[in-house]
């Protein structure tokens, strides 16, 4: 029996979600959008992905309503929609799972709830106010498990500085 190429035959919410973000590059694009990457060239540089694949993946995320394509400073900018921002708890949980299973030095990235000035826990909860803050209220910075190699480009260097999630980054 041949393997299927999609989940269209499954009446399952997880399968439907995987139709949108389950492809290899999709969640990495969503992650980078949370980190403030907005430009096609910056996504390409960060992920070392071919132009054709990147164009296809960004297009599918726009079509699914996860990203919105806007004109900014003469360039296309890809920003998360409210539907895309709703993926933050899943992106955070997968990030923490990756840290727990692949990092011997601790989390590669920390997230601070800005209004409370406290790092969120592995479940994304703020220990001060007890909420699970939205991405827009979080600042990120490298954690103890972050790589120590010199940044490959100016954008990667910017990502090593503390900055608010969803705030557009420029080289």
N, C-alpha and C. Protein backbone atom coordinates (compact mmCIF):
# COMPACT_ATOMS: atom_id res chain seq x y z
N UNK A 1 0.84 -1.18 0.00
CA UNK A 1 0.00 0.00 0.00
C UNK A 1 0.89 1.24 0.00
N UNK A 2 0.61 2.17 -0.87
CA UNK A 2 1.40 3.40 -0.98
C UNK A 2 1.08 4.34 0.18
N UNK A 3 2.10 5.05 0.62
CA UNK A 3 1.90 6.05 1.66
C UNK A 3 1.19 7.26 1.10
N UNK A 4 0.29 7.83 1.88
CA UNK A 4 -0.40 9.04 1.46
C UNK A 4 0.54 10.24 1.50
N UNK A 5 0.16 11.28 0.79
CA UNK A 5 0.99 12.48 0.75
C UNK A 5 0.41 13.60 1.60
N UNK A 6 -0.77 13.37 2.17
CA UNK A 6 -1.36 14.39 3.03
C UNK A 6 -2.27 13.71 4.05
N UNK A 7 -2.95 14.52 4.85
CA UNK A 7 -3.81 13.99 5.90
C UNK A 7 -5.28 14.24 5.60
N UNK A 8 -5.60 14.50 4.33
CA UNK A 8 -6.97 14.89 3.97
C UNK A 8 -8.02 13.84 4.34
N UNK A 9 -7.63 12.60 4.43
CA UNK A 9 -8.59 11.55 4.77
C UNK A 9 -8.82 11.39 6.26
N UNK A 10 -8.15 12.18 7.07
CA UNK A 10 -8.28 12.04 8.51
C UNK A 10 -9.13 13.17 9.09
N UNK A 11 -10.11 12.79 9.87
CA UNK A 11 -10.96 13.76 10.54
C UNK A 11 -10.40 13.98 11.95
N UNK A 12 -9.33 14.76 12.00
CA UNK A 12 -8.58 14.94 13.25
C UNK A 12 -7.98 16.34 13.25
N UNK A 13 -8.16 17.07 14.34
CA UNK A 13 -7.65 18.44 14.42
C UNK A 13 -6.14 18.49 14.31
N UNK A 14 -5.44 17.53 14.91
CA UNK A 14 -3.98 17.52 14.81
C UNK A 14 -3.55 17.30 13.37
N UNK A 15 -4.21 16.39 12.68
CA UNK A 15 -3.89 16.15 11.27
C UNK A 15 -4.13 17.41 10.44
N UNK A 16 -5.21 18.12 10.73
CA UNK A 16 -5.51 19.36 10.00
C UNK A 16 -4.44 20.41 10.29
N UNK A 17 -3.98 20.50 11.54
CA UNK A 17 -2.91 21.44 11.89
C UNK A 17 -1.61 21.07 11.19
N UNK A 18 -1.32 19.77 11.12
CA UNK A 18 -0.11 19.33 10.43
C UNK A 18 -0.15 19.63 8.94
N UNK A 19 -1.34 19.68 8.36
CA UNK A 19 -1.46 20.09 6.96
C UNK A 19 -0.91 21.49 6.77
N UNK A 20 -1.01 22.33 7.80
CA UNK A 20 -0.56 23.73 7.71
C UNK A 20 0.90 23.87 8.12
N UNK A 21 1.28 23.29 9.25
CA UNK A 21 2.62 23.54 9.80
C UNK A 21 3.49 22.30 9.92
N UNK A 22 3.05 21.18 9.38
CA UNK A 22 3.79 19.94 9.57
C UNK A 22 4.93 19.69 8.60
N UNK A 23 5.06 20.50 7.58
CA UNK A 23 6.16 20.33 6.63
C UNK A 23 7.46 20.78 7.28
N UNK A 24 8.57 20.21 6.85
CA UNK A 24 9.88 20.41 7.47
C UNK A 24 10.21 21.86 7.77
N UNK A 25 9.98 22.78 6.86
CA UNK A 25 10.42 24.16 7.05
C UNK A 25 9.38 25.05 7.73
N UNK A 26 8.15 24.64 7.76
CA UNK A 26 7.07 25.53 8.18
C UNK A 26 7.22 26.06 9.60
N UNK A 27 7.45 25.18 10.56
CA UNK A 27 7.59 25.66 11.94
C UNK A 27 8.85 26.48 12.15
N UNK A 28 9.90 26.21 11.37
CA UNK A 28 11.11 27.04 11.47
C UNK A 28 10.83 28.44 10.95
N UNK A 29 10.03 28.56 9.91
CA UNK A 29 9.63 29.88 9.42
C UNK A 29 8.78 30.59 10.46
N UNK A 30 7.85 29.87 11.08
CA UNK A 30 7.01 30.47 12.12
C UNK A 30 7.88 30.89 13.30
N UNK A 31 8.81 30.04 13.71
CA UNK A 31 9.74 30.40 14.80
C UNK A 31 10.47 31.69 14.48
N UNK A 32 11.04 31.76 13.28
CA UNK A 32 11.79 32.96 12.90
C UNK A 32 10.90 34.19 12.83
N UNK A 33 9.64 34.01 12.42
CA UNK A 33 8.71 35.15 12.42
C UNK A 33 8.47 35.64 13.85
N UNK A 34 8.36 34.73 14.81
CA UNK A 34 8.24 35.15 16.21
C UNK A 34 9.49 35.91 16.65
N UNK A 35 10.66 35.48 16.17
CA UNK A 35 11.92 36.13 16.54
C UNK A 35 12.10 37.48 15.86
N UNK A 36 11.24 37.82 14.91
CA UNK A 36 11.31 39.12 14.27
C UNK A 36 11.83 39.12 12.85
N UNK A 37 12.09 37.95 12.28
CA UNK A 37 12.52 37.88 10.89
C UNK A 37 11.29 38.12 10.02
N UNK A 38 11.39 39.03 9.05
CA UNK A 38 10.23 39.36 8.22
C UNK A 38 10.54 39.30 6.72
N UNK A 39 11.78 39.49 6.34
CA UNK A 39 12.12 39.60 4.93
C UNK A 39 12.51 38.26 4.33
N UNK A 40 12.12 38.05 3.07
CA UNK A 40 12.43 36.82 2.34
C UNK A 40 13.92 36.52 2.42
N UNK A 41 14.75 37.51 2.12
CA UNK A 41 16.20 37.30 2.11
C UNK A 41 16.73 36.92 3.49
N UNK A 42 16.13 37.45 4.53
CA UNK A 42 16.57 37.12 5.89
C UNK A 42 16.15 35.71 6.28
N UNK A 43 14.93 35.31 5.92
CA UNK A 43 14.52 33.91 6.16
C UNK A 43 15.48 32.98 5.43
N UNK A 44 15.79 33.31 4.19
CA UNK A 44 16.66 32.46 3.38
C UNK A 44 18.04 32.33 4.01
N UNK A 45 18.59 33.44 4.44
CA UNK A 45 19.92 33.46 5.05
C UNK A 45 19.91 32.67 6.37
N UNK A 46 18.89 32.88 7.18
CA UNK A 46 18.81 32.20 8.48
C UNK A 46 18.69 30.69 8.33
N UNK A 47 17.88 30.25 7.38
CA UNK A 47 17.56 28.83 7.28
C UNK A 47 18.36 28.08 6.23
N UNK A 48 19.11 28.80 5.40
CA UNK A 48 19.86 28.17 4.31
C UNK A 48 18.93 27.27 3.48
N UNK A 49 17.85 27.86 3.02
CA UNK A 49 16.79 27.17 2.29
C UNK A 49 16.78 27.70 0.85
N UNK A 50 16.46 26.87 -0.10
CA UNK A 50 16.43 27.32 -1.50
C UNK A 50 15.32 28.35 -1.69
N UNK A 51 15.51 29.22 -2.69
CA UNK A 51 14.50 30.24 -2.99
C UNK A 51 13.16 29.60 -3.34
N UNK A 52 13.20 28.54 -4.12
CA UNK A 52 11.95 27.90 -4.56
C UNK A 52 11.18 27.31 -3.38
N UNK A 53 11.87 26.61 -2.51
CA UNK A 53 11.20 26.00 -1.35
C UNK A 53 10.70 27.09 -0.41
N UNK A 54 11.52 28.11 -0.17
CA UNK A 54 11.10 29.20 0.71
C UNK A 54 9.86 29.90 0.16
N UNK A 55 9.87 30.19 -1.11
CA UNK A 55 8.73 30.85 -1.74
C UNK A 55 7.46 30.01 -1.59
N UNK A 56 7.60 28.71 -1.81
CA UNK A 56 6.45 27.80 -1.69
C UNK A 56 5.95 27.75 -0.24
N UNK A 57 6.86 27.63 0.72
CA UNK A 57 6.45 27.52 2.12
C UNK A 57 5.83 28.82 2.63
N UNK A 58 6.44 29.95 2.30
CA UNK A 58 5.84 31.23 2.71
C UNK A 58 4.46 31.39 2.09
N UNK A 59 4.35 31.02 0.81
CA UNK A 59 3.05 31.11 0.14
C UNK A 59 1.99 30.25 0.80
N UNK A 60 2.37 29.04 1.20
CA UNK A 60 1.38 28.16 1.84
C UNK A 60 0.99 28.68 3.22
N UNK A 61 1.94 29.28 3.95
CA UNK A 61 1.61 29.85 5.26
C UNK A 61 0.74 31.10 5.12
N UNK A 62 0.96 31.87 4.07
CA UNK A 62 0.09 33.02 3.79
C UNK A 62 -1.31 32.52 3.43
N UNK A 63 -1.37 31.54 2.54
CA UNK A 63 -2.67 30.99 2.11
C UNK A 63 -3.45 30.40 3.28
N UNK A 64 -2.75 29.79 4.23
CA UNK A 64 -3.40 29.19 5.40
C UNK A 64 -3.77 30.22 6.46
N UNK A 65 -3.35 31.47 6.27
CA UNK A 65 -3.69 32.51 7.24
C UNK A 65 -2.77 32.58 8.44
N UNK A 66 -1.61 31.93 8.37
CA UNK A 66 -0.64 31.96 9.46
C UNK A 66 0.23 33.22 9.35
N UNK A 67 0.61 33.55 8.13
CA UNK A 67 1.40 34.75 7.86
C UNK A 67 0.60 35.68 6.96
N UNK A 68 0.94 36.96 7.05
CA UNK A 68 0.39 37.96 6.13
C UNK A 68 1.56 38.60 5.41
N UNK A 69 1.39 38.80 4.13
CA UNK A 69 2.43 39.45 3.32
C UNK A 69 2.07 40.92 3.20
N UNK A 70 3.00 41.78 3.64
CA UNK A 70 2.79 43.23 3.59
C UNK A 70 3.97 43.87 2.89
N UNK A 71 3.74 45.04 2.36
CA UNK A 71 4.84 45.82 1.77
C UNK A 71 5.42 46.69 2.89
N UNK A 72 6.74 46.64 3.05
CA UNK A 72 7.40 47.43 4.08
C UNK A 72 8.72 47.94 3.53
N UNK A 73 8.84 49.24 3.38
CA UNK A 73 10.09 49.82 2.90
C UNK A 73 10.50 49.34 1.52
N UNK A 74 9.54 49.10 0.65
CA UNK A 74 9.86 48.63 -0.69
C UNK A 74 10.11 47.14 -0.80
N UNK A 75 9.96 46.41 0.29
CA UNK A 75 10.16 44.96 0.28
C UNK A 75 8.93 44.28 0.84
N UNK A 76 8.73 43.03 0.42
CA UNK A 76 7.70 42.22 1.05
C UNK A 76 8.15 41.88 2.46
N UNK A 77 7.21 41.97 3.39
CA UNK A 77 7.46 41.55 4.76
C UNK A 77 6.42 40.50 5.11
N UNK A 78 6.84 39.46 5.79
CA UNK A 78 5.95 38.40 6.21
C UNK A 78 5.81 38.49 7.72
N UNK A 79 4.59 38.73 8.18
CA UNK A 79 4.34 38.87 9.62
C UNK A 79 3.24 37.90 10.04
N UNK A 80 3.31 37.50 11.28
CA UNK A 80 2.32 36.57 11.81
C UNK A 80 0.96 37.25 11.93
N UNK A 81 -0.06 36.52 11.58
CA UNK A 81 -1.45 36.96 11.79
C UNK A 81 -1.85 36.56 13.21
N UNK A 82 -3.02 36.97 13.68
CA UNK A 82 -3.47 36.46 14.98
C UNK A 82 -3.51 34.92 15.02
N UNK A 83 -3.88 34.29 13.92
CA UNK A 83 -3.86 32.83 13.86
C UNK A 83 -2.44 32.30 14.01
N UNK A 84 -1.48 32.95 13.37
CA UNK A 84 -0.08 32.57 13.51
C UNK A 84 0.44 32.79 14.92
N UNK A 85 0.07 33.91 15.52
CA UNK A 85 0.50 34.19 16.89
C UNK A 85 -0.06 33.17 17.87
N UNK A 86 -1.21 32.60 17.54
CA UNK A 86 -1.81 31.57 18.40
C UNK A 86 -0.97 30.29 18.43
N UNK A 87 -0.01 30.17 17.52
CA UNK A 87 0.89 29.01 17.52
C UNK A 87 1.99 29.13 18.58
N UNK A 88 2.13 30.29 19.24
CA UNK A 88 3.22 30.49 20.18
C UNK A 88 3.31 29.38 21.24
N UNK A 89 2.23 28.99 21.93
CA UNK A 89 2.39 27.94 22.94
C UNK A 89 2.97 26.64 22.36
N UNK A 90 2.57 26.28 21.15
CA UNK A 90 3.10 25.06 20.52
C UNK A 90 4.56 25.23 20.15
N UNK A 91 4.93 26.39 19.60
CA UNK A 91 6.33 26.65 19.24
C UNK A 91 7.19 26.64 20.50
N UNK A 92 6.72 27.28 21.56
CA UNK A 92 7.48 27.30 22.82
C UNK A 92 7.63 25.89 23.39
N UNK A 93 6.55 25.12 23.39
CA UNK A 93 6.61 23.76 23.93
C UNK A 93 7.58 22.89 23.13
N UNK A 94 7.55 22.97 21.82
CA UNK A 94 8.48 22.19 21.00
C UNK A 94 9.92 22.65 21.20
N UNK A 95 10.11 23.95 21.38
CA UNK A 95 11.45 24.48 21.65
C UNK A 95 11.98 23.92 22.97
N UNK A 96 11.15 23.94 23.99
CA UNK A 96 11.58 23.42 25.30
C UNK A 96 11.81 21.91 25.24
N UNK A 97 10.99 21.20 24.50
CA UNK A 97 11.20 19.76 24.34
C UNK A 97 12.54 19.53 23.66
N UNK A 98 12.84 20.30 22.62
CA UNK A 98 14.13 20.18 21.94
C UNK A 98 15.29 20.47 22.87
N UNK A 99 15.15 21.49 23.72
CA UNK A 99 16.20 21.78 24.71
C UNK A 99 16.39 20.60 25.66
N UNK A 100 15.29 20.06 26.15
CA UNK A 100 15.36 18.97 27.13
C UNK A 100 15.95 17.70 26.55
N UNK A 101 15.75 17.47 25.26
CA UNK A 101 16.21 16.21 24.68
C UNK A 101 17.50 16.31 23.88
N UNK A 102 17.96 17.53 23.59
CA UNK A 102 19.16 17.65 22.75
C UNK A 102 20.25 18.56 23.30
N UNK A 103 19.97 19.29 24.37
CA UNK A 103 20.96 20.23 24.89
C UNK A 103 21.47 19.76 26.25
N UNK A 104 22.77 19.67 26.37
CA UNK A 104 23.36 19.28 27.66
C UNK A 104 23.68 20.49 28.53
N UNK A 105 23.60 21.70 27.95
CA UNK A 105 23.96 22.91 28.70
C UNK A 105 22.76 23.74 29.12
N UNK A 106 21.56 23.28 28.82
CA UNK A 106 20.37 24.05 29.17
C UNK A 106 19.70 24.65 27.95
N UNK A 107 18.69 25.47 28.17
CA UNK A 107 17.96 26.03 27.04
C UNK A 107 18.82 26.93 26.16
N UNK A 108 18.60 26.84 24.87
CA UNK A 108 19.34 27.68 23.92
C UNK A 108 18.84 29.11 23.93
N UNK A 109 17.59 29.30 24.34
CA UNK A 109 16.98 30.63 24.33
C UNK A 109 16.08 30.76 25.55
N UNK A 110 16.11 31.91 26.19
CA UNK A 110 15.25 32.19 27.34
C UNK A 110 14.20 33.22 26.93
N UNK A 111 13.06 33.18 27.63
CA UNK A 111 11.96 34.09 27.34
C UNK A 111 11.52 34.76 28.63
N UNK A 112 11.53 36.08 28.63
CA UNK A 112 11.20 36.86 29.83
C UNK A 112 9.87 37.56 29.62
N UNK A 113 8.97 37.44 30.61
CA UNK A 113 7.71 38.18 30.58
C UNK A 113 8.03 39.61 30.98
N UNK A 114 8.00 40.50 30.02
CA UNK A 114 8.45 41.88 30.22
C UNK A 114 7.69 42.60 31.33
N UNK A 115 6.34 42.57 31.38
CA UNK A 115 5.66 43.30 32.45
C UNK A 115 6.05 42.87 33.86
N UNK A 116 6.40 41.60 34.03
CA UNK A 116 6.76 41.08 35.36
C UNK A 116 8.27 40.96 35.56
N UNK A 117 9.05 41.16 34.51
CA UNK A 117 10.50 41.01 34.55
C UNK A 117 10.91 39.64 35.10
N UNK A 118 10.27 38.59 34.58
CA UNK A 118 10.56 37.24 35.04
C UNK A 118 10.58 36.28 33.86
N UNK A 119 11.52 35.33 33.88
CA UNK A 119 11.57 34.31 32.83
C UNK A 119 10.39 33.36 32.99
N UNK A 120 9.78 33.00 31.85
CA UNK A 120 8.69 32.02 31.90
C UNK A 120 9.29 30.63 32.11
N UNK A 121 8.49 29.73 32.66
CA UNK A 121 8.98 28.38 32.92
C UNK A 121 8.89 27.53 31.64
N UNK A 122 9.21 26.25 31.78
CA UNK A 122 9.22 25.37 30.61
C UNK A 122 7.84 25.22 29.98
N UNK A 123 6.80 25.53 30.74
CA UNK A 123 5.43 25.46 30.22
C UNK A 123 4.95 26.81 29.68
N UNK A 124 5.83 27.81 29.71
CA UNK A 124 5.48 29.13 29.20
C UNK A 124 4.76 30.01 30.20
N UNK A 125 4.68 29.58 31.46
CA UNK A 125 3.99 30.37 32.48
C UNK A 125 4.94 31.33 33.18
N UNK A 126 4.42 32.49 33.50
CA UNK A 126 5.18 33.48 34.27
C UNK A 126 5.05 33.13 35.75
N UNK A 127 6.17 33.00 36.48
CA UNK A 127 6.09 32.65 37.89
C UNK A 127 5.55 33.78 38.77
N UNK A 128 5.55 35.00 38.27
CA UNK A 128 5.09 36.14 39.06
C UNK A 128 3.57 36.30 38.98
N UNK A 129 3.03 36.36 37.76
CA UNK A 129 1.59 36.61 37.60
C UNK A 129 0.79 35.34 37.35
N UNK A 130 1.47 34.23 37.05
CA UNK A 130 0.79 32.95 36.86
C UNK A 130 0.11 32.78 35.51
N UNK A 131 0.29 33.74 34.60
CA UNK A 131 -0.34 33.63 33.28
C UNK A 131 0.63 32.98 32.29
N UNK A 132 0.08 32.57 31.17
CA UNK A 132 0.88 32.16 30.02
C UNK A 132 0.81 33.34 29.06
N UNK A 133 1.82 34.22 29.10
CA UNK A 133 1.73 35.45 28.32
C UNK A 133 1.79 35.22 26.82
N UNK A 134 1.15 36.10 26.06
CA UNK A 134 1.27 36.03 24.60
C UNK A 134 2.68 36.42 24.18
N UNK A 135 3.05 36.03 22.99
CA UNK A 135 4.40 36.30 22.49
C UNK A 135 4.74 37.79 22.52
N UNK A 136 3.77 38.65 22.27
CA UNK A 136 4.02 40.09 22.23
C UNK A 136 4.50 40.65 23.57
N UNK A 137 4.29 39.91 24.66
CA UNK A 137 4.73 40.37 25.98
C UNK A 137 6.05 39.74 26.40
N UNK A 138 6.71 39.05 25.48
CA UNK A 138 7.94 38.34 25.83
C UNK A 138 9.16 38.96 25.15
N UNK A 139 10.27 38.90 25.88
CA UNK A 139 11.58 39.26 25.33
C UNK A 139 12.40 37.98 25.30
N UNK A 140 13.23 37.82 24.30
CA UNK A 140 14.07 36.64 24.20
C UNK A 140 15.54 37.03 24.25
N UNK A 141 16.33 36.11 24.75
CA UNK A 141 17.79 36.28 24.79
C UNK A 141 18.41 34.89 24.79
N UNK A 142 19.70 34.80 24.44
CA UNK A 142 20.35 33.49 24.46
C UNK A 142 20.37 32.91 25.87
N UNK A 143 20.21 31.59 25.93
CA UNK A 143 20.31 30.89 27.20
C UNK A 143 21.65 30.20 27.32
N UNK A 144 21.85 29.44 28.40
CA UNK A 144 23.14 28.77 28.62
C UNK A 144 23.48 27.73 27.56
N UNK A 145 22.49 27.22 26.85
CA UNK A 145 22.74 26.22 25.81
C UNK A 145 22.97 26.81 24.44
N UNK A 146 22.98 28.14 24.33
CA UNK A 146 23.17 28.79 23.03
C UNK A 146 24.57 28.51 22.51
N UNK A 147 24.69 28.45 21.20
CA UNK A 147 25.99 28.23 20.57
C UNK A 147 26.95 29.37 20.86
N UNK A 148 28.23 29.06 20.79
CA UNK A 148 29.25 30.08 21.06
C UNK A 148 30.04 30.45 19.81
N UNK A 149 29.72 29.83 18.67
CA UNK A 149 30.40 30.19 17.42
C UNK A 149 30.07 31.63 17.05
N UNK A 150 30.98 32.30 16.36
CA UNK A 150 30.68 33.67 15.92
C UNK A 150 29.45 33.67 15.01
N UNK A 151 28.62 34.70 15.10
CA UNK A 151 27.44 34.76 14.23
C UNK A 151 27.84 34.75 12.76
N UNK A 152 27.03 34.05 11.96
CA UNK A 152 27.33 33.90 10.53
C UNK A 152 27.05 35.18 9.74
N UNK A 153 26.19 36.05 10.28
CA UNK A 153 25.83 37.28 9.57
C UNK A 153 25.27 38.28 10.57
N UNK A 154 25.08 39.53 10.16
CA UNK A 154 24.58 40.55 11.09
C UNK A 154 23.21 40.23 11.69
N UNK A 155 22.34 39.58 10.93
CA UNK A 155 21.03 39.22 11.48
C UNK A 155 21.19 38.21 12.62
N UNK A 156 22.05 37.23 12.43
CA UNK A 156 22.29 36.25 13.50
C UNK A 156 22.89 36.93 14.72
N UNK A 157 23.72 37.94 14.51
CA UNK A 157 24.27 38.70 15.64
C UNK A 157 23.15 39.42 16.38
N UNK A 158 22.21 40.02 15.65
CA UNK A 158 21.08 40.71 16.28
C UNK A 158 20.24 39.74 17.10
N UNK A 159 20.11 38.50 16.61
CA UNK A 159 19.30 37.52 17.33
C UNK A 159 19.95 37.09 18.63
N UNK A 160 21.22 37.40 18.81
CA UNK A 160 21.89 37.09 20.08
C UNK A 160 21.70 38.19 21.11
N UNK A 161 21.12 39.29 20.70
CA UNK A 161 20.84 40.39 21.63
C UNK A 161 19.42 40.23 22.17
N UNK A 162 19.19 40.64 23.43
CA UNK A 162 17.81 40.61 23.93
C UNK A 162 16.91 41.48 23.05
N UNK A 163 15.75 40.97 22.72
CA UNK A 163 14.78 41.73 21.94
C UNK A 163 13.38 41.15 22.11
N UNK A 164 12.38 41.98 21.88
CA UNK A 164 10.99 41.56 22.01
C UNK A 164 10.63 40.62 20.87
N UNK A 165 9.85 39.61 21.19
CA UNK A 165 9.29 38.76 20.14
C UNK A 165 8.35 39.61 19.29
N UNK A 166 8.25 39.25 18.04
CA UNK A 166 7.39 39.89 17.04
C UNK A 166 7.90 41.26 16.59
N UNK A 167 8.94 41.80 17.21
CA UNK A 167 9.50 43.09 16.78
C UNK A 167 10.40 42.82 15.59
N UNK A 168 10.15 43.46 14.45
CA UNK A 168 10.96 43.19 13.25
C UNK A 168 12.44 43.47 13.47
N UNK A 169 13.27 42.54 13.03
CA UNK A 169 14.72 42.68 13.11
C UNK A 169 15.26 43.08 11.76
N UNK A 170 16.26 43.89 11.76
CA UNK A 170 16.97 44.27 10.54
C UNK A 170 18.46 44.12 10.81
N UNK A 171 19.18 43.82 9.74
CA UNK A 171 20.64 43.69 9.87
C UNK A 171 21.24 45.02 10.26
